[in-house]
């Protein structure tokens, strides 16, 4: 994450210098907006850093409040939307930032986000209704978080126990479709999607497919930052539980330990309302 953040800083500095070098007047608002947007997408995609996401949202929010025009303010607030949404998808959802984002920008909540907000307050019935709602008329033309739509839907379906629907939602979430020439937050989302797929396969008694997804997590994130180690620990421990040989785990860069994973927060359905699991 630290290296990726430095790359974002370098890209922003390069764009500023190119604007100056060719005689264009680079917009400070545009550069600030891109900074918050890319940082928010990076940290929201990989998850696991609530404090960093909160700092990004707070920075974009405060920059918008200090903007010279209402239009610039909305542009800056919108740039922090990914960070606000990222806080909602963490193991312990934080809804405050997203509520601020909606109040300041006036943007509608996607049905997938409505479902996650309902789950955050323990209302699985409202989550099901949100997921079953027809697509809004602005879908596709003003989608605030287009690459998140399917992963968000999968997470919501998983948390209400609809495992087949969760798998269908990310059936085509494939790295072959991701950009390798531009910034694409889906690369950061991919390990979390694979963990969710694996957990869904397990609940559907499909252990071979679950093992495949857990292995892919370890392969992609074997050099992950310490803050992301819980995701790797979960994948490694689940593989060991499913019978993966220790030497194979070692080859994937995982050593069995007592360090915590993220199961129970990231994927598990929320505590049932009234003490009963919702069907």
C-alpha atoms as a PDB file:
ATOM      1  CA  UNK A   1       0.000   0.000   0.000  1.00  0.00           C
ATOM      2  CA  UNK A   2       2.807   2.387   0.854  1.00  0.00           C
ATOM      3  CA  UNK A   3       4.507   1.788  -2.502  1.00  0.00           C
ATOM      4  CA  UNK A   4       1.216   2.123  -4.381  1.00  0.00           C
ATOM      5  CA  UNK A   5       0.473   5.391  -2.603  1.00  0.00           C
ATOM      6  CA  UNK A   6       3.876   6.730  -3.631  1.00  0.00           C
ATOM      7  CA  UNK A   7       3.102   5.801  -7.242  1.00  0.00           C
ATOM      8  CA  UNK A   8      -0.145   7.782  -7.013  1.00  0.00           C
ATOM      9  CA  UNK A   9       1.795  10.768  -5.643  1.00  0.00           C
ATOM     10  CA  UNK A  10       4.337  10.501  -8.463  1.00  0.00           C
ATOM     11  CA  UNK A  11       1.580  10.282 -11.073  1.00  0.00           C
ATOM     12  CA  UNK A  12      -0.110  13.387  -9.702  1.00  0.00           C
ATOM     13  CA  UNK A  13       3.187  15.277  -9.645  1.00  0.00           C
ATOM     14  CA  UNK A  14       3.961  14.186 -13.213  1.00  0.00           C
ATOM     15  CA  UNK A  15       0.571  15.387 -14.410  1.00  0.00           C
ATOM     16  CA  UNK A  16       1.092  18.733 -12.678  1.00  0.00           C
ATOM     17  CA  UNK A  17       4.470  19.193 -14.369  1.00  0.00           C
ATOM     18  CA  UNK A  18       3.130  18.171 -17.762  1.00  0.00           C
ATOM     19  CA  UNK A  19       0.319  20.688 -17.426  1.00  0.00           C
ATOM     20  CA  UNK A  20       2.884  23.403 -16.697  1.00  0.00           C
ATOM     21  CA  UNK A  21       5.307  22.226 -19.378  1.00  0.00           C
ATOM     22  CA  UNK A  22       2.838  22.442 -22.260  1.00  0.00           C
ATOM     23  CA  UNK A  23       1.443  25.771 -21.161  1.00  0.00           C
ATOM     24  CA  UNK A  24      -1.848  24.457 -19.776  1.00  0.00           C
ATOM     25  CA  UNK A  25      -3.228  25.791 -16.559  1.00  0.00           C
ATOM     26  CA  UNK A  26      -3.648  22.690 -14.462  1.00  0.00           C
ATOM     27  CA  UNK A  27      -6.658  22.818 -12.170  1.00  0.00           C
ATOM     28  CA  UNK A  28      -5.700  22.500  -8.483  1.00  0.00           C
ATOM     29  CA  UNK A  29      -9.196  21.168  -7.811  1.00  0.00           C
ATOM     30  CA  UNK A  30      -8.785  18.495 -10.470  1.00  0.00           C
ATOM     31  CA  UNK A  31      -5.411  17.402  -9.105  1.00  0.00           C
ATOM     32  CA  UNK A  32      -6.722  17.335  -5.543  1.00  0.00           C
ATOM     33  CA  UNK A  33      -9.784  15.400  -6.668  1.00  0.00           C
ATOM     34  CA  UNK A  34      -7.671  12.773  -8.462  1.00  0.00           C
ATOM     35  CA  UNK A  35      -5.478  12.404  -5.389  1.00  0.00           C
ATOM     36  CA  UNK A  36      -8.393  11.659  -3.063  1.00  0.00           C
ATOM     37  CA  UNK A  37     -10.142   9.520  -5.679  1.00  0.00           C
ATOM     38  CA  UNK A  38      -7.197   7.210  -6.372  1.00  0.00           C
ATOM     39  CA  UNK A  39      -6.168   6.918  -2.722  1.00  0.00           C
ATOM     40  CA  UNK A  40      -9.740   6.143  -1.733  1.00  0.00           C
ATOM     41  CA  UNK A  41     -10.107   3.508  -4.426  1.00  0.00           C
ATOM     42  CA  UNK A  42      -6.801   1.885  -3.473  1.00  0.00           C
ATOM     43  CA  UNK A  43      -7.511   1.580   0.252  1.00  0.00           C
ATOM     44  CA  UNK A  44     -11.197   0.769  -0.217  1.00  0.00           C
ATOM     45  CA  UNK A  45     -10.324  -2.033  -2.635  1.00  0.00           C
ATOM     46  CA  UNK A  46      -7.847  -3.865  -0.422  1.00  0.00           C
ATOM     47  CA  UNK A  47      -9.729  -3.234   2.841  1.00  0.00           C
ATOM     48  CA  UNK A  48      -8.329  -3.624   6.316  1.00  0.00           C
ATOM     49  CA  UNK A  49      -7.392   0.015   7.048  1.00  0.00           C
ATOM     50  CA  UNK A  50     -10.315   1.824   8.622  1.00  0.00           C
ATOM     51  CA  UNK A  51      -8.150   4.668   9.953  1.00  0.00           C
ATOM     52  CA  UNK A  52      -6.627   5.314   6.518  1.00  0.00           C
ATOM     53  CA  UNK A  53     -10.037   5.280   4.834  1.00  0.00           C
ATOM     54  CA  UNK A  54     -11.398   7.683   7.416  1.00  0.00           C
ATOM     55  CA  UNK A  55      -8.444  10.067   6.868  1.00  0.00           C
ATOM     56  CA  UNK A  56      -9.030  10.002   3.104  1.00  0.00           C
ATOM     57  CA  UNK A  57     -12.740  10.711   3.460  1.00  0.00           C
ATOM     58  CA  UNK A  58     -12.119  13.447   6.034  1.00  0.00           C
ATOM     59  CA  UNK A  59      -9.552  15.053   3.712  1.00  0.00           C
ATOM     60  CA  UNK A  60     -11.882  15.030   0.701  1.00  0.00           C
ATOM     61  CA  UNK A  61     -14.788  16.278   2.817  1.00  0.00           C
ATOM     62  CA  UNK A  62     -12.791  19.165   4.281  1.00  0.00           C
ATOM     63  CA  UNK A  63     -11.355  20.083   0.868  1.00  0.00           C
ATOM     64  CA  UNK A  64     -14.887  20.228  -0.528  1.00  0.00           C
ATOM     65  CA  UNK A  65     -16.050  22.485   2.274  1.00  0.00           C
ATOM     66  CA  UNK A  66     -13.167  24.864   1.536  1.00  0.00           C
ATOM     67  CA  UNK A  67     -13.775  24.870  -2.238  1.00  0.00           C
ATOM     68  CA  UNK A  68     -14.301  28.173  -4.030  1.00  0.00           C
ATOM     69  CA  UNK A  69     -17.515  27.091  -5.804  1.00  0.00           C
ATOM     70  CA  UNK A  70     -20.347  24.665  -5.068  1.00  0.00           C
ATOM     71  CA  UNK A  71     -19.426  22.685  -8.177  1.00  0.00           C
ATOM     72  CA  UNK A  72     -15.845  22.233  -6.982  1.00  0.00           C
ATOM     73  CA  UNK A  73     -17.140  21.209  -3.581  1.00  0.00           C
ATOM     74  CA  UNK A  74     -19.333  18.467  -5.029  1.00  0.00           C
ATOM     75  CA  UNK A  75     -16.448  17.248  -7.211  1.00  0.00           C
ATOM     76  CA  UNK A  76     -14.155  16.964  -4.188  1.00  0.00           C
ATOM     77  CA  UNK A  77     -16.787  15.288  -2.006  1.00  0.00           C
ATOM     78  CA  UNK A  78     -17.500  12.822  -4.788  1.00  0.00           C
ATOM     79  CA  UNK A  79     -13.788  11.983  -5.020  1.00  0.00           C
ATOM     80  CA  UNK A  80     -13.922  10.744  -1.426  1.00  0.00           C
ATOM     81  CA  UNK A  81     -16.902   8.484  -2.070  1.00  0.00           C
ATOM     82  CA  UNK A  82     -14.847   5.325  -2.565  1.00  0.00           C
ATOM     83  CA  UNK A  83     -13.249   5.767   0.855  1.00  0.00           C
ATOM     84  CA  UNK A  84     -16.648   6.344   2.478  1.00  0.00           C
ATOM     85  CA  UNK A  85     -18.024   3.239   0.809  1.00  0.00           C
ATOM     86  CA  UNK A  86     -14.908   1.258   1.732  1.00  0.00           C
ATOM     87  CA  UNK A  87     -15.639   1.893   5.408  1.00  0.00           C
ATOM     88  CA  UNK A  88     -19.065   0.330   4.899  1.00  0.00           C
ATOM     89  CA  UNK A  89     -17.574  -2.918   3.542  1.00  0.00           C
ATOM     90  CA  UNK A  90     -15.097  -3.566   6.378  1.00  0.00           C
ATOM     91  CA  UNK A  91     -15.609  -6.340   8.969  1.00  0.00           C
ATOM     92  CA  UNK A  92     -17.038  -3.741  11.354  1.00  0.00           C
ATOM     93  CA  UNK A  93     -19.022  -1.452   9.033  1.00  0.00           C
ATOM     94  CA  UNK A  94     -18.783   2.293   9.609  1.00  0.00           C
ATOM     95  CA  UNK A  95     -21.835   3.975   8.105  1.00  0.00           C
ATOM     96  CA  UNK A  96     -21.113   7.527   9.277  1.00  0.00           C
ATOM     97  CA  UNK A  97     -18.806   8.497   6.407  1.00  0.00           C
ATOM     98  CA  UNK A  98     -21.185   7.216   3.755  1.00  0.00           C
ATOM     99  CA  UNK A  99     -24.067   9.097   5.390  1.00  0.00           C
ATOM    100  CA  UNK A 100     -21.963  12.282   5.169  1.00  0.00           C
ATOM    101  CA  UNK A 101     -21.113  11.525   1.553  1.00  0.00           C
ATOM    102  CA  UNK A 102     -24.775  11.156   0.578  1.00  0.00           C
ATOM    103  CA  UNK A 103     -25.823  14.275   2.475  1.00  0.00           C
ATOM    104  CA  UNK A 104     -23.124  16.418   0.861  1.00  0.00           C
ATOM    105  CA  UNK A 105     -23.356  15.115  -2.716  1.00  0.00           C
ATOM    106  CA  UNK A 106     -27.063  14.291  -2.938  1.00  0.00           C
ATOM    107  CA  UNK A 107     -26.203  11.098  -4.810  1.00  0.00           C
ATOM    108  CA  UNK A 108     -28.620   8.162  -4.465  1.00  0.00           C
ATOM    109  CA  UNK A 109     -27.444   4.951  -2.843  1.00  0.00           C
ATOM    110  CA  UNK A 110     -27.099   1.997  -5.193  1.00  0.00           C
ATOM    111  CA  UNK A 111     -29.401  -0.885  -4.337  1.00  0.00           C
ATOM    112  CA  UNK A 112     -26.336  -2.960  -3.349  1.00  0.00           C
ATOM    113  CA  UNK A 113     -25.252  -0.207  -0.963  1.00  0.00           C
ATOM    114  CA  UNK A 114     -28.788   0.059   0.398  1.00  0.00           C
ATOM    115  CA  UNK A 115     -28.589  -3.666   1.183  1.00  0.00           C
ATOM    116  CA  UNK A 116     -25.286  -3.267   3.050  1.00  0.00           C
ATOM    117  CA  UNK A 117     -26.662  -0.306   5.001  1.00  0.00           C
ATOM    118  CA  UNK A 118     -29.668  -2.413   5.991  1.00  0.00           C
ATOM    119  CA  UNK A 119     -27.395  -5.243   7.115  1.00  0.00           C
ATOM    120  CA  UNK A 120     -25.307  -2.801   9.149  1.00  0.00           C
ATOM    121  CA  UNK A 121     -28.424  -2.027  11.179  1.00  0.00           C
ATOM    122  CA  UNK A 122     -29.401  -5.720  11.384  1.00  0.00           C
ATOM    123  CA  UNK A 123     -32.327  -5.668   8.941  1.00  0.00           C
ATOM    124  CA  UNK A 124     -31.884  -8.622   6.568  1.00  0.00           C
ATOM    125  CA  UNK A 125     -35.433  -8.238   5.238  1.00  0.00           C
ATOM    126  CA  UNK A 126     -34.700  -4.722   4.008  1.00  0.00           C
ATOM    127  CA  UNK A 127     -31.454  -5.989   2.491  1.00  0.00           C
ATOM    128  CA  UNK A 128     -33.333  -8.643   0.507  1.00  0.00           C
ATOM    129  CA  UNK A 129     -35.848  -6.091  -0.720  1.00  0.00           C
ATOM    130  CA  UNK A 130     -33.073  -3.750  -1.824  1.00  0.00           C
ATOM    131  CA  UNK A 131     -31.292  -6.489  -3.774  1.00  0.00           C
ATOM    132  CA  UNK A 132     -34.550  -7.538  -5.443  1.00  0.00           C
ATOM    133  CA  UNK A 133     -35.449  -3.985  -6.502  1.00  0.00           C
ATOM    134  CA  UNK A 134     -35.374  -3.127 -10.222  1.00  0.00           C
ATOM    135  CA  UNK A 135     -32.375  -1.261 -11.544  1.00  0.00           C
ATOM    136  CA  UNK A 136     -32.783   2.505 -11.166  1.00  0.00           C
ATOM    137  CA  UNK A 137     -33.058   4.641 -14.323  1.00  0.00           C
ATOM    138  CA  UNK A 138     -29.638   6.228 -13.698  1.00  0.00           C
ATOM    139  CA  UNK A 139     -27.896   2.827 -13.642  1.00  0.00           C
ATOM    140  CA  UNK A 140     -25.046   2.804 -16.129  1.00  0.00           C
ATOM    141  CA  UNK A 141     -25.085   6.521 -16.901  1.00  0.00           C
ATOM    142  CA  UNK A 142     -24.298   8.015 -13.491  1.00  0.00           C
ATOM    143  CA  UNK A 143     -23.041   4.973 -11.615  1.00  0.00           C
ATOM    144  CA  UNK A 144     -20.983   6.396  -8.747  1.00  0.00           C
ATOM    145  CA  UNK A 145     -18.940   3.225  -8.153  1.00  0.00           C
ATOM    146  CA  UNK A 146     -19.249   1.130 -11.338  1.00  0.00           C
ATOM    147  CA  UNK A 147     -16.527  -1.460 -10.708  1.00  0.00           C
ATOM    148  CA  UNK A 148     -17.858  -2.155  -7.205  1.00  0.00           C
ATOM    149  CA  UNK A 149     -21.385  -3.090  -8.187  1.00  0.00           C
ATOM    150  CA  UNK A 150     -20.925  -6.851  -8.500  1.00  0.00           C
ATOM    151  CA  UNK A 151     -18.604  -7.313  -5.472  1.00  0.00           C
ATOM    152  CA  UNK A 152     -20.972  -5.239  -3.341  1.00  0.00           C
ATOM    153  CA  UNK A 153     -23.914  -7.361  -4.464  1.00  0.00           C
ATOM    154  CA  UNK A 154     -21.960 -10.551  -3.738  1.00  0.00           C
ATOM    155  CA  UNK A 155     -21.074  -9.361  -0.238  1.00  0.00           C
ATOM    156  CA  UNK A 156     -24.675  -8.472   0.537  1.00  0.00           C
ATOM    157  CA  UNK A 157     -26.004 -11.784  -0.817  1.00  0.00           C
ATOM    158  CA  UNK A 158     -23.409 -13.683   1.191  1.00  0.00           C
ATOM    159  CA  UNK A 159     -24.256 -11.922   4.418  1.00  0.00           C
ATOM    160  CA  UNK A 160     -27.914 -12.933   4.129  1.00  0.00           C
ATOM    161  CA  UNK A 161     -27.026 -16.534   3.315  1.00  0.00           C
ATOM    162  CA  UNK A 162     -27.731 -16.438  -0.436  1.00  0.00           C
ATOM    163  CA  UNK A 163     -24.510 -18.169  -1.465  1.00  0.00           C
ATOM    164  CA  UNK A 164     -25.469 -19.138  -5.007  1.00  0.00           C
ATOM    165  CA  UNK A 165     -26.517 -15.554  -5.694  1.00  0.00           C
ATOM    166  CA  UNK A 166     -23.232 -14.315  -4.237  1.00  0.00           C
ATOM    167  CA  UNK A 167     -21.296 -16.516  -6.656  1.00  0.00           C
ATOM    168  CA  UNK A 168     -23.396 -15.421  -9.614  1.00  0.00           C
ATOM    169  CA  UNK A 169     -22.773 -11.782  -8.770  1.00  0.00           C
ATOM    170  CA  UNK A 170     -19.004 -12.158  -9.225  1.00  0.00           C
ATOM    171  CA  UNK A 171     -19.036 -14.909 -11.827  1.00  0.00           C
ATOM    172  CA  UNK A 172     -17.402 -12.616 -14.394  1.00  0.00           C
ATOM    173  CA  UNK A 173     -15.134 -10.739 -11.972  1.00  0.00           C
ATOM    174  CA  UNK A 174     -12.024 -11.931 -13.779  1.00  0.00           C
ATOM    175  CA  UNK A 175      -8.535 -10.384 -14.029  1.00  0.00           C
ATOM    176  CA  UNK A 176      -8.532 -10.915 -17.796  1.00  0.00           C
ATOM    177  CA  UNK A 177     -10.980  -7.999 -17.950  1.00  0.00           C
ATOM    178  CA  UNK A 178      -8.906  -5.695 -15.723  1.00  0.00           C
ATOM    179  CA  UNK A 179      -6.733  -2.897 -17.043  1.00  0.00           C
ATOM    180  CA  UNK A 180      -2.962  -3.301 -16.965  1.00  0.00           C
ATOM    181  CA  UNK A 181      -2.223   0.125 -18.425  1.00  0.00           C
ATOM    182  CA  UNK A 182      -4.346   2.361 -16.172  1.00  0.00           C
ATOM    183  CA  UNK A 183      -5.189   2.470 -12.481  1.00  0.00           C
ATOM    184  CA  UNK A 184      -7.800  -0.236 -11.859  1.00  0.00           C
ATOM    185  CA  UNK A 185      -8.990  -0.808  -8.299  1.00  0.00           C
ATOM    186  CA  UNK A 186     -10.323  -4.239  -9.230  1.00  0.00           C
ATOM    187  CA  UNK A 187      -6.816  -5.676  -8.788  1.00  0.00           C
ATOM    188  CA  UNK A 188      -7.055  -4.725  -5.126  1.00  0.00           C
ATOM    189  CA  UNK A 189     -10.585  -6.086  -4.835  1.00  0.00           C
ATOM    190  CA  UNK A 190      -9.694  -9.432  -6.402  1.00  0.00           C
ATOM    191  CA  UNK A 191      -8.287 -11.235  -3.307  1.00  0.00           C
ATOM    192  CA  UNK A 192     -11.293 -10.198  -1.226  1.00  0.00           C
ATOM    193  CA  UNK A 193     -13.648 -11.428  -3.960  1.00  0.00           C
ATOM    194  CA  UNK A 194     -11.748 -14.712  -4.039  1.00  0.00           C
ATOM    195  CA  UNK A 195     -12.062 -15.091  -0.274  1.00  0.00           C
ATOM    196  CA  UNK A 196     -15.786 -14.503  -0.515  1.00  0.00           C
ATOM    197  CA  UNK A 197     -16.097 -17.020  -3.352  1.00  0.00           C
ATOM    198  CA  UNK A 198     -14.174 -19.593  -1.337  1.00  0.00           C
ATOM    199  CA  UNK A 199     -16.385 -19.102   1.707  1.00  0.00           C
ATOM    200  CA  UNK A 200     -19.515 -19.420  -0.452  1.00  0.00           C
ATOM    201  CA  UNK A 201     -18.200 -22.615  -2.049  1.00  0.00           C
ATOM    202  CA  UNK A 202     -17.562 -24.070   1.396  1.00  0.00           C
ATOM    203  CA  UNK A 203     -21.123 -23.387   2.496  1.00  0.00           C
ATOM    204  CA  UNK A 204     -22.356 -25.066  -0.664  1.00  0.00           C
ATOM    205  CA  UNK A 205     -20.193 -28.170   0.056  1.00  0.00           C
ATOM    206  CA  UNK A 206     -17.863 -27.541  -2.889  1.00  0.00           C
ATOM    207  CA  UNK A 207     -14.456 -27.884  -1.186  1.00  0.00           C
ATOM    208  CA  UNK A 208     -12.337 -28.304  -4.325  1.00  0.00           C
ATOM    209  CA  UNK A 209     -13.488 -24.959  -5.694  1.00  0.00           C
ATOM    210  CA  UNK A 210     -13.018 -23.360  -2.275  1.00  0.00           C
ATOM    211  CA  UNK A 211      -9.427 -24.616  -2.106  1.00  0.00           C
ATOM    212  CA  UNK A 212      -8.713 -23.176  -5.554  1.00  0.00           C
ATOM    213  CA  UNK A 213      -9.890 -19.717  -4.512  1.00  0.00           C
ATOM    214  CA  UNK A 214      -7.951 -19.789  -1.225  1.00  0.00           C
ATOM    215  CA  UNK A 215      -4.781 -20.740  -3.119  1.00  0.00           C
ATOM    216  CA  UNK A 216      -5.262 -17.825  -5.510  1.00  0.00           C
ATOM    217  CA  UNK A 217      -5.496 -15.417  -2.559  1.00  0.00           C
ATOM    218  CA  UNK A 218      -2.159 -16.625  -1.218  1.00  0.00           C
ATOM    219  CA  UNK A 219      -0.552 -16.469  -4.641  1.00  0.00           C
ATOM    220  CA  UNK A 220      -1.667 -12.904  -5.321  1.00  0.00           C
ATOM    221  CA  UNK A 221      -1.031 -11.407  -1.878  1.00  0.00           C
ATOM    222  CA  UNK A 222       1.977 -13.358  -0.636  1.00  0.00           C
ATOM    223  CA  UNK A 223       3.921 -10.065  -0.279  1.00  0.00           C
ATOM    224  CA  UNK A 224       1.015  -8.115   1.229  1.00  0.00           C
ATOM    225  CA  UNK A 225       1.440  -5.362   3.810  1.00  0.00           C
ATOM    226  CA  UNK A 226       1.083  -6.373   7.501  1.00  0.00           C
ATOM    227  CA  UNK A 227      -2.341  -4.728   7.665  1.00  0.00           C
ATOM    228  CA  UNK A 228      -3.577  -7.205   5.034  1.00  0.00           C
ATOM    229  CA  UNK A 229      -2.125 -10.295   6.678  1.00  0.00           C
ATOM    230  CA  UNK A 230      -5.471 -11.265   8.287  1.00  0.00           C
ATOM    231  CA  UNK A 231      -6.846 -12.026   4.817  1.00  0.00           C
ATOM    232  CA  UNK A 232      -3.856 -14.249   4.056  1.00  0.00           C
ATOM    233  CA  UNK A 233      -4.114 -15.900   7.467  1.00  0.00           C
ATOM    234  CA  UNK A 234      -7.743 -16.728   6.814  1.00  0.00           C
ATOM    235  CA  UNK A 235      -6.968 -18.228   3.409  1.00  0.00           C
ATOM    236  CA  UNK A 236      -4.074 -20.268   4.798  1.00  0.00           C
ATOM    237  CA  UNK A 237      -5.958 -21.591   7.812  1.00  0.00           C
ATOM    238  CA  UNK A 238      -8.977 -22.512   5.730  1.00  0.00           C
ATOM    239  CA  UNK A 239      -6.751 -24.348   3.271  1.00  0.00           C
ATOM    240  CA  UNK A 240      -5.142 -26.254   6.143  1.00  0.00           C
ATOM    241  CA  UNK A 241      -8.570 -27.145   7.503  1.00  0.00           C
ATOM    242  CA  UNK A 242      -9.569 -28.401   4.056  1.00  0.00           C
ATOM    243  CA  UNK A 243      -6.568 -30.731   3.994  1.00  0.00           C
ATOM    244  CA  UNK A 244      -3.929 -28.719   2.124  1.00  0.00           C
ATOM    245  CA  UNK A 245      -0.490 -30.253   2.915  1.00  0.00           C
ATOM    246  CA  UNK A 246       1.841 -28.126   5.020  1.00  0.00           C
ATOM    247  CA  UNK A 247       4.546 -28.181   2.335  1.00  0.00           C
ATOM    248  CA  UNK A 248       2.095 -26.834  -0.217  1.00  0.00           C
ATOM    249  CA  UNK A 249       1.093 -24.038   2.158  1.00  0.00           C
ATOM    250  CA  UNK A 250       4.755 -23.230   2.739  1.00  0.00           C
ATOM    251  CA  UNK A 251       5.331 -23.043  -1.029  1.00  0.00           C
ATOM    252  CA  UNK A 252       2.503 -20.507  -1.187  1.00  0.00           C
ATOM    253  CA  UNK A 253       4.294 -18.429   1.446  1.00  0.00           C
ATOM    254  CA  UNK A 254       2.015 -19.297   4.367  1.00  0.00           C
ATOM    255  CA  UNK A 255       3.180 -20.576   7.743  1.00  0.00           C
ATOM    256  CA  UNK A 256       0.623 -21.964  10.174  1.00  0.00           C
ATOM    257  CA  UNK A 257       0.324 -19.670  13.182  1.00  0.00           C
ATOM    258  CA  UNK A 258      -2.138 -18.385  15.726  1.00  0.00           C
ATOM    259  CA  UNK A 259      -2.454 -14.965  14.107  1.00  0.00           C
ATOM    260  CA  UNK A 260      -6.046 -13.887  13.562  1.00  0.00           C
ATOM    261  CA  UNK A 261      -7.913 -13.886  10.287  1.00  0.00           C
ATOM    262  CA  UNK A 262     -10.991 -11.942   9.318  1.00  0.00           C
ATOM    263  CA  UNK A 263     -13.702 -14.610   9.338  1.00  0.00           C
ATOM    264  CA  UNK A 264     -16.583 -13.557  11.516  1.00  0.00           C
ATOM    265  CA  UNK A 265     -16.463  -9.988  10.266  1.00  0.00           C
ATOM    266  CA  UNK A 266     -15.775  -9.804   6.556  1.00  0.00           C
ATOM    267  CA  UNK A 267     -17.929 -12.625   5.275  1.00  0.00           C
ATOM    268  CA  UNK A 268     -20.113 -14.010   7.995  1.00  0.00           C
ATOM    269  CA  UNK A 269     -23.758 -12.906   8.047  1.00  0.00           C
ATOM    270  CA  UNK A 270     -24.452 -10.267  10.726  1.00  0.00           C
ATOM    271  CA  UNK A 271     -25.924 -11.276  14.092  1.00  0.00           C
ATOM    272  CA  UNK A 272     -29.528 -12.325  13.453  1.00  0.00           C
ATOM    273  CA  UNK A 273     -32.277 -10.007  14.550  1.00  0.00           C
ATOM    274  CA  UNK A 274     -33.955 -11.280  17.692  1.00  0.00           C
ATOM    275  CA  UNK A 275     -31.393 -14.044  18.126  1.00  0.00           C
ATOM    276  CA  UNK A 276     -32.565 -16.185  15.193  1.00  0.00           C
ATOM    277  CA  UNK A 277     -30.789 -16.731  11.917  1.00  0.00           C
ATOM    278  CA  UNK A 278     -32.791 -15.188   9.104  1.00  0.00           C
ATOM    279  CA  UNK A 279     -33.766 -17.783   6.493  1.00  0.00           C
END
